[in-house]
């Protein structure tokens, strides 16, 4: 199984909107990718919540059956469009992919 974890920090203002508006927009965009390829086992998009300590604004946690499923997700036209739309909104992006079969 492959775990795919991505964190985003958003700009204070971008594309004519404030950070919170853009985080909500990005969350809706990412939700469109939840079931776009076979082999997606789990897919969660979580936004920063007020009152909780956080250094990022948005997180994606996904699990894929294997590397082929992750690659299909990353190359899917819907995902590529979401990446294009989110690019101007973000200040930073960090991610980690792990194969749990390798330990």
Protein backbone atom coordinates (compact mmCIF):
# COMPACT_ATOMS: atom_id res chain seq x y z
CA UNK A 1 0.00 0.00 0.00
CA UNK A 2 1.17 3.53 -0.82
CA UNK A 3 0.46 6.43 1.53
CA UNK A 4 0.34 9.84 -0.16
CA UNK A 5 0.39 12.82 2.21
CA UNK A 6 0.49 16.45 1.07
CA UNK A 7 0.42 19.70 3.06
CA UNK A 8 -0.23 23.19 1.69
CA UNK A 9 0.28 26.65 3.11
CA UNK A 10 -1.76 29.27 1.25
CA UNK A 11 -0.97 32.88 0.43
CA UNK A 12 -2.75 35.54 2.51
CA UNK A 13 -4.35 36.82 -0.72
CA UNK A 14 -4.34 35.27 -4.18
CA UNK A 15 -6.50 35.31 -7.27
CA UNK A 16 -8.69 38.05 -5.74
CA UNK A 17 -9.59 36.12 -2.59
CA UNK A 18 -8.35 35.74 0.97
CA UNK A 19 -6.62 32.66 2.40
CA UNK A 20 -9.71 31.08 3.95
CA UNK A 21 -11.74 31.44 0.75
CA UNK A 22 -8.93 29.86 -1.26
CA UNK A 23 -8.51 27.01 1.23
CA UNK A 24 -12.21 26.19 0.88
CA UNK A 25 -11.93 26.40 -2.91
CA UNK A 26 -8.90 24.08 -2.90
CA UNK A 27 -10.66 21.63 -0.62
CA UNK A 28 -13.62 21.43 -3.02
CA UNK A 29 -11.22 20.95 -5.94
CA UNK A 30 -9.34 18.15 -4.19
CA UNK A 31 -12.59 16.42 -3.23
CA UNK A 32 -13.24 16.02 -6.97
CA UNK A 33 -10.22 13.68 -7.10
CA UNK A 34 -11.42 11.23 -4.44
CA UNK A 35 -12.53 8.43 -6.78
CA UNK A 36 -10.91 9.20 -10.11
CA UNK A 37 -8.79 6.05 -10.33
CA UNK A 38 -9.15 2.41 -9.34
CA UNK A 39 -6.93 1.48 -6.41
CA UNK A 40 -7.78 4.50 -4.26
CA UNK A 41 -8.35 2.96 -0.84
CA UNK A 42 -8.72 6.09 1.30
CA UNK A 43 -8.91 9.79 0.49
CA UNK A 44 -9.29 12.58 3.04
CA UNK A 45 -8.91 16.33 2.65
CA UNK A 46 -8.62 18.22 5.93
CA UNK A 47 -8.51 21.98 6.47
CA UNK A 48 -6.96 23.89 9.34
CA UNK A 49 -9.47 24.56 12.10
CA UNK A 50 -9.49 27.65 14.28
CA UNK A 51 -8.45 27.06 17.86
CA UNK A 52 -5.98 24.29 16.95
CA UNK A 53 -2.27 24.80 16.50
CA UNK A 54 -1.23 24.24 12.87
CA UNK A 55 1.53 25.32 10.52
CA UNK A 56 -0.33 24.37 7.34
CA UNK A 57 -3.75 25.25 5.95
CA UNK A 58 -4.75 22.08 4.11
CA UNK A 59 -3.77 18.41 4.12
CA UNK A 60 -4.45 15.49 1.82
CA UNK A 61 -4.12 11.97 3.19
CA UNK A 62 -4.63 9.22 0.64
CA UNK A 63 -3.88 5.53 0.41
CA UNK A 64 -3.44 3.68 -2.87
CA UNK A 65 -3.23 -0.04 -3.48
CA UNK A 66 0.12 0.24 -5.25
CA UNK A 67 2.51 2.60 -7.05
CA UNK A 68 0.62 2.16 -10.34
CA UNK A 69 -2.57 3.48 -8.73
CA UNK A 70 -0.71 6.50 -7.30
CA UNK A 71 0.87 7.20 -10.70
CA UNK A 72 -2.53 6.94 -12.40
CA UNK A 73 -3.91 9.42 -9.85
CA UNK A 74 -1.02 11.84 -10.36
CA UNK A 75 -1.38 11.75 -14.16
CA UNK A 76 -5.19 11.82 -14.29
CA UNK A 77 -6.53 14.91 -16.14
CA UNK A 78 -8.76 15.89 -13.20
CA UNK A 79 -5.82 15.84 -10.80
CA UNK A 80 -3.61 17.77 -13.23
CA UNK A 81 -6.31 20.44 -13.56
CA UNK A 82 -6.63 20.71 -9.77
CA UNK A 83 -2.85 21.15 -9.47
CA UNK A 84 -2.93 23.89 -12.09
CA UNK A 85 -5.75 25.75 -10.33
CA UNK A 86 -4.15 25.41 -6.87
CA UNK A 87 -0.66 26.52 -7.93
CA UNK A 88 -1.27 30.29 -7.78
CA UNK A 89 -3.07 29.99 -4.41
CA UNK A 90 -0.31 28.32 -2.46
CA UNK A 91 2.74 29.67 -0.74
CA UNK A 92 4.27 26.27 -0.02
CA UNK A 93 3.66 22.57 -0.60
CA UNK A 94 5.23 19.60 1.17
CA UNK A 95 4.54 15.96 0.57
CA UNK A 96 5.54 12.42 1.33
CA UNK A 97 4.85 9.15 -0.46
CA UNK A 98 5.60 5.89 1.37
CA UNK A 99 5.31 2.25 0.39
CA UNK A 100 4.19 0.51 3.57
CA UNK A 101 5.35 -2.83 2.15
CA UNK A 102 8.96 -1.65 2.33
CA UNK A 103 8.83 -0.84 6.04
